[in-house]
Amino acid sequence: MDERIAVGRRGEAAVERHYVGHGYRVVARNWRCRIGELDLVLTRGGTLVVCEVKTRRGTEYGTPLEKVTRDKAERLRRLAARWMALNDVHPGDVRIDLVAVVRPPRGRAEVEHVRGAIW
């Protein structure tokens, strides 16, 4: 497996464990359609959370959250709407969270969680 993909998968797995530990239920992982992918779709209570995880090994090319452009944010909104329509899901509340994970070769990972960053 490509090292970049492996780093990304480890980041997504850590973020998933964090959400589950806080009472969220995972309803989809790495859901794909022709316009893109949703990393995690979760629920807790009446809230549906779409989570975009950006994992990097360092910040020499910018922080992970800087990689979420206006176009990417719009695509996430369209993907969330498409996922809800295809799964006939009508939650009371929807939010899109961004989680940045920086996993340096040594030391602890740094995590930045922005709740409701997009919608």
C-alpha atoms as a PDB file:
ATOM      1  CA  MET A   1       0.000   0.000   0.000  1.00  0.00           C
ATOM      2  CA  ASP A   2       1.215   3.505  -0.817  1.00  0.00           C
ATOM      3  CA  GLU A   3       2.626   5.188   2.322  1.00  0.00           C
ATOM      4  CA  ARG A   4       0.395   8.255   1.822  1.00  0.00           C
ATOM      5  CA  ILE A   5      -2.692   6.048   1.760  1.00  0.00           C
ATOM      6  CA  ALA A   6      -1.529   4.192   4.874  1.00  0.00           C
ATOM      7  CA  VAL A   7      -0.957   7.479   6.750  1.00  0.00           C
ATOM      8  CA  GLY A   8      -4.424   8.668   5.725  1.00  0.00           C
ATOM      9  CA  ARG A   9      -6.089   5.422   6.803  1.00  0.00           C
ATOM     10  CA  ARG A  10      -4.380   5.550  10.209  1.00  0.00           C
ATOM     11  CA  GLY A  11      -5.575   9.119  10.656  1.00  0.00           C
ATOM     12  CA  GLU A  12      -9.141   8.209   9.713  1.00  0.00           C
ATOM     13  CA  ALA A  13      -9.113   5.219  12.076  1.00  0.00           C
ATOM     14  CA  ALA A  14      -7.920   7.398  14.978  1.00  0.00           C
ATOM     15  CA  VAL A  15     -10.597  10.013  14.287  1.00  0.00           C
ATOM     16  CA  GLU A  16     -13.258   7.296  14.060  1.00  0.00           C
ATOM     17  CA  ARG A  17     -12.195   5.902  17.455  1.00  0.00           C
ATOM     18  CA  HIS A  18     -12.418   9.417  18.909  1.00  0.00           C
ATOM     19  CA  TYR A  19     -15.991   9.926  17.655  1.00  0.00           C
ATOM     20  CA  VAL A  20     -17.127   6.453  18.766  1.00  0.00           C
ATOM     21  CA  GLY A  21     -15.597   7.097  22.193  1.00  0.00           C
ATOM     22  CA  HIS A  22     -17.778  10.193  22.423  1.00  0.00           C
ATOM     23  CA  GLY A  23     -21.006   8.341  21.666  1.00  0.00           C
ATOM     24  CA  TYR A  24     -21.236   8.642  17.883  1.00  0.00           C
ATOM     25  CA  ARG A  25     -22.290   5.751  15.676  1.00  0.00           C
ATOM     26  CA  VAL A  26     -20.526   5.221  12.336  1.00  0.00           C
ATOM     27  CA  VAL A  27     -22.992   4.773   9.476  1.00  0.00           C
ATOM     28  CA  ALA A  28     -20.538   4.955   6.548  1.00  0.00           C
ATOM     29  CA  ARG A  29     -16.777   4.897   5.938  1.00  0.00           C
ATOM     30  CA  ASN A  30     -15.071   5.998   2.745  1.00  0.00           C
ATOM     31  CA  TRP A  31     -18.381   6.312   0.892  1.00  0.00           C
ATOM     32  CA  ARG A  32     -17.758   7.046  -2.792  1.00  0.00           C
ATOM     33  CA  CYS A  33     -19.726   8.198  -5.774  1.00  0.00           C
ATOM     34  CA  ARG A  34     -18.727   9.769  -9.086  1.00  0.00           C
ATOM     35  CA  ILE A  35     -18.131  13.239  -7.593  1.00  0.00           C
ATOM     36  CA  GLY A  36     -15.982  12.221  -4.641  1.00  0.00           C
ATOM     37  CA  GLU A  37     -15.712  10.536  -1.267  1.00  0.00           C
ATOM     38  CA  LEU A  38     -16.930  11.054   2.285  1.00  0.00           C
ATOM     39  CA  ASP A  39     -14.404   9.855   4.872  1.00  0.00           C
ATOM     40  CA  LEU A  40     -16.835   9.293   7.752  1.00  0.00           C
ATOM     41  CA  VAL A  41     -20.579   9.652   8.203  1.00  0.00           C
ATOM     42  CA  LEU A  42     -21.724   9.424  11.812  1.00  0.00           C
ATOM     43  CA  THR A  43     -24.810  10.019  13.928  1.00  0.00           C
ATOM     44  CA  ARG A  44     -25.488  10.955  17.516  1.00  0.00           C
ATOM     45  CA  GLY A  45     -28.957  11.821  18.657  1.00  0.00           C
ATOM     46  CA  GLY A  46     -30.696  13.610  15.799  1.00  0.00           C
ATOM     47  CA  THR A  47     -27.457  14.943  14.293  1.00  0.00           C
ATOM     48  CA  LEU A  48     -25.770  13.606  11.189  1.00  0.00           C
ATOM     49  CA  VAL A  49     -22.051  14.417  11.017  1.00  0.00           C
ATOM     50  CA  VAL A  50     -20.006  14.209   7.838  1.00  0.00           C
ATOM     51  CA  CYS A  51     -16.331  14.258   8.759  1.00  0.00           C
ATOM     52  CA  GLU A  52     -13.509  15.137   6.399  1.00  0.00           C
ATOM     53  CA  VAL A  53     -10.186  13.880   7.747  1.00  0.00           C
ATOM     54  CA  LYS A  54      -6.937  15.368   6.469  1.00  0.00           C
ATOM     55  CA  THR A  55      -3.818  13.561   7.659  1.00  0.00           C
ATOM     56  CA  ARG A  56      -0.282  14.643   6.901  1.00  0.00           C
ATOM     57  CA  ARG A  57       3.179  13.697   8.175  1.00  0.00           C
ATOM     58  CA  GLY A  58       4.208  17.318   8.595  1.00  0.00           C
ATOM     59  CA  THR A  59       3.313  20.905   7.801  1.00  0.00           C
ATOM     60  CA  GLU A  60       6.171  21.877   5.497  1.00  0.00           C
ATOM     61  CA  TYR A  61       3.647  22.215   2.639  1.00  0.00           C
ATOM     62  CA  GLY A  62       0.961  23.821   4.803  1.00  0.00           C
ATOM     63  CA  THR A  63      -1.412  22.525   7.427  1.00  0.00           C
ATOM     64  CA  PRO A  64      -3.917  19.814   6.558  1.00  0.00           C
ATOM     65  CA  LEU A  65      -6.856  22.209   6.975  1.00  0.00           C
ATOM     66  CA  GLU A  66      -5.321  24.602   4.450  1.00  0.00           C
ATOM     67  CA  LYS A  67      -5.905  21.867   1.872  1.00  0.00           C
ATOM     68  CA  VAL A  68      -9.691  22.245   2.232  1.00  0.00           C
ATOM     69  CA  THR A  69     -10.413  24.785  -0.480  1.00  0.00           C
ATOM     70  CA  ARG A  70     -13.707  26.509  -1.286  1.00  0.00           C
ATOM     71  CA  ASP A  71     -14.202  23.951  -4.092  1.00  0.00           C
ATOM     72  CA  LYS A  72     -13.582  21.064  -1.681  1.00  0.00           C
ATOM     73  CA  ALA A  73     -16.067  22.547   0.823  1.00  0.00           C
ATOM     74  CA  GLU A  74     -18.718  22.833  -1.887  1.00  0.00           C
ATOM     75  CA  ARG A  75     -18.031  19.250  -3.004  1.00  0.00           C
ATOM     76  CA  LEU A  76     -18.450  18.055   0.601  1.00  0.00           C
ATOM     77  CA  ARG A  77     -21.834  19.805   0.785  1.00  0.00           C
ATOM     78  CA  ARG A  78     -22.946  18.150  -2.461  1.00  0.00           C
ATOM     79  CA  LEU A  79     -21.654  14.753  -1.322  1.00  0.00           C
ATOM     80  CA  ALA A  80     -23.468  15.039   2.022  1.00  0.00           C
ATOM     81  CA  ALA A  81     -26.722  15.958   0.265  1.00  0.00           C
ATOM     82  CA  ARG A  82     -26.297  13.089  -2.205  1.00  0.00           C
ATOM     83  CA  TRP A  83     -25.540  10.576   0.576  1.00  0.00           C
ATOM     84  CA  MET A  84     -28.654  11.667   2.498  1.00  0.00           C
ATOM     85  CA  ALA A  85     -30.857  11.469  -0.622  1.00  0.00           C
ATOM     86  CA  LEU A  86     -29.577   8.046  -1.685  1.00  0.00           C
ATOM     87  CA  ASN A  87     -29.967   6.670   1.848  1.00  0.00           C
ATOM     88  CA  ASP A  88     -33.324   8.384   2.474  1.00  0.00           C
ATOM     89  CA  VAL A  89     -31.919  10.030   5.611  1.00  0.00           C
ATOM     90  CA  HIS A  90     -33.577  13.185   6.963  1.00  0.00           C
ATOM     91  CA  PRO A  91     -31.771  14.182  10.157  1.00  0.00           C
ATOM     92  CA  GLY A  92     -32.850  16.967  12.477  1.00  0.00           C
ATOM     93  CA  ASP A  93     -29.429  18.555  12.130  1.00  0.00           C
ATOM     94  CA  VAL A  94     -26.465  18.138   9.769  1.00  0.00           C
ATOM     95  CA  ARG A  95     -22.928  19.360  10.175  1.00  0.00           C
ATOM     96  CA  ILE A  96     -19.658  18.892   8.374  1.00  0.00           C
ATOM     97  CA  ASP A  97     -16.612  18.610  10.613  1.00  0.00           C
ATOM     98  CA  LEU A  98     -13.006  18.934   9.548  1.00  0.00           C
ATOM     99  CA  VAL A  99     -10.325  17.065  11.447  1.00  0.00           C
ATOM    100  CA  ALA A 100      -6.647  17.676  10.757  1.00  0.00           C
ATOM    101  CA  VAL A 101      -4.149  15.083  11.935  1.00  0.00           C
ATOM    102  CA  VAL A 102      -0.405  15.690  11.753  1.00  0.00           C
ATOM    103  CA  ARG A 103       1.504  12.461  12.416  1.00  0.00           C
ATOM    104  CA  PRO A 104       5.211  13.236  12.519  1.00  0.00           C
ATOM    105  CA  PRO A 105       7.709  10.352  12.250  1.00  0.00           C
ATOM    106  CA  ARG A 106       8.420  10.756  15.979  1.00  0.00           C
ATOM    107  CA  GLY A 107       6.275  11.981  18.811  1.00  0.00           C
ATOM    108  CA  ARG A 108       2.572  12.337  19.301  1.00  0.00           C
ATOM    109  CA  ALA A 109       0.072  13.169  16.619  1.00  0.00           C
ATOM    110  CA  GLU A 110      -1.416  16.651  16.674  1.00  0.00           C
ATOM    111  CA  VAL A 111      -5.166  16.841  16.100  1.00  0.00           C
ATOM    112  CA  GLU A 112      -7.285  19.892  15.267  1.00  0.00           C
ATOM    113  CA  HIS A 113     -11.051  19.337  15.211  1.00  0.00           C
ATOM    114  CA  VAL A 114     -13.304  22.009  13.702  1.00  0.00           C
ATOM    115  CA  ARG A 115     -16.959  21.178  14.391  1.00  0.00           C
ATOM    116  CA  GLY A 116     -19.486  22.478  11.894  1.00  0.00           C
ATOM    117  CA  ALA A 117     -16.768  23.994   9.735  1.00  0.00           C
ATOM    118  CA  ILE A 118     -18.890  23.728   6.584  1.00  0.00           C
ATOM    119  CA  TRP A 119     -22.572  23.864   5.749  1.00  0.00           C
END
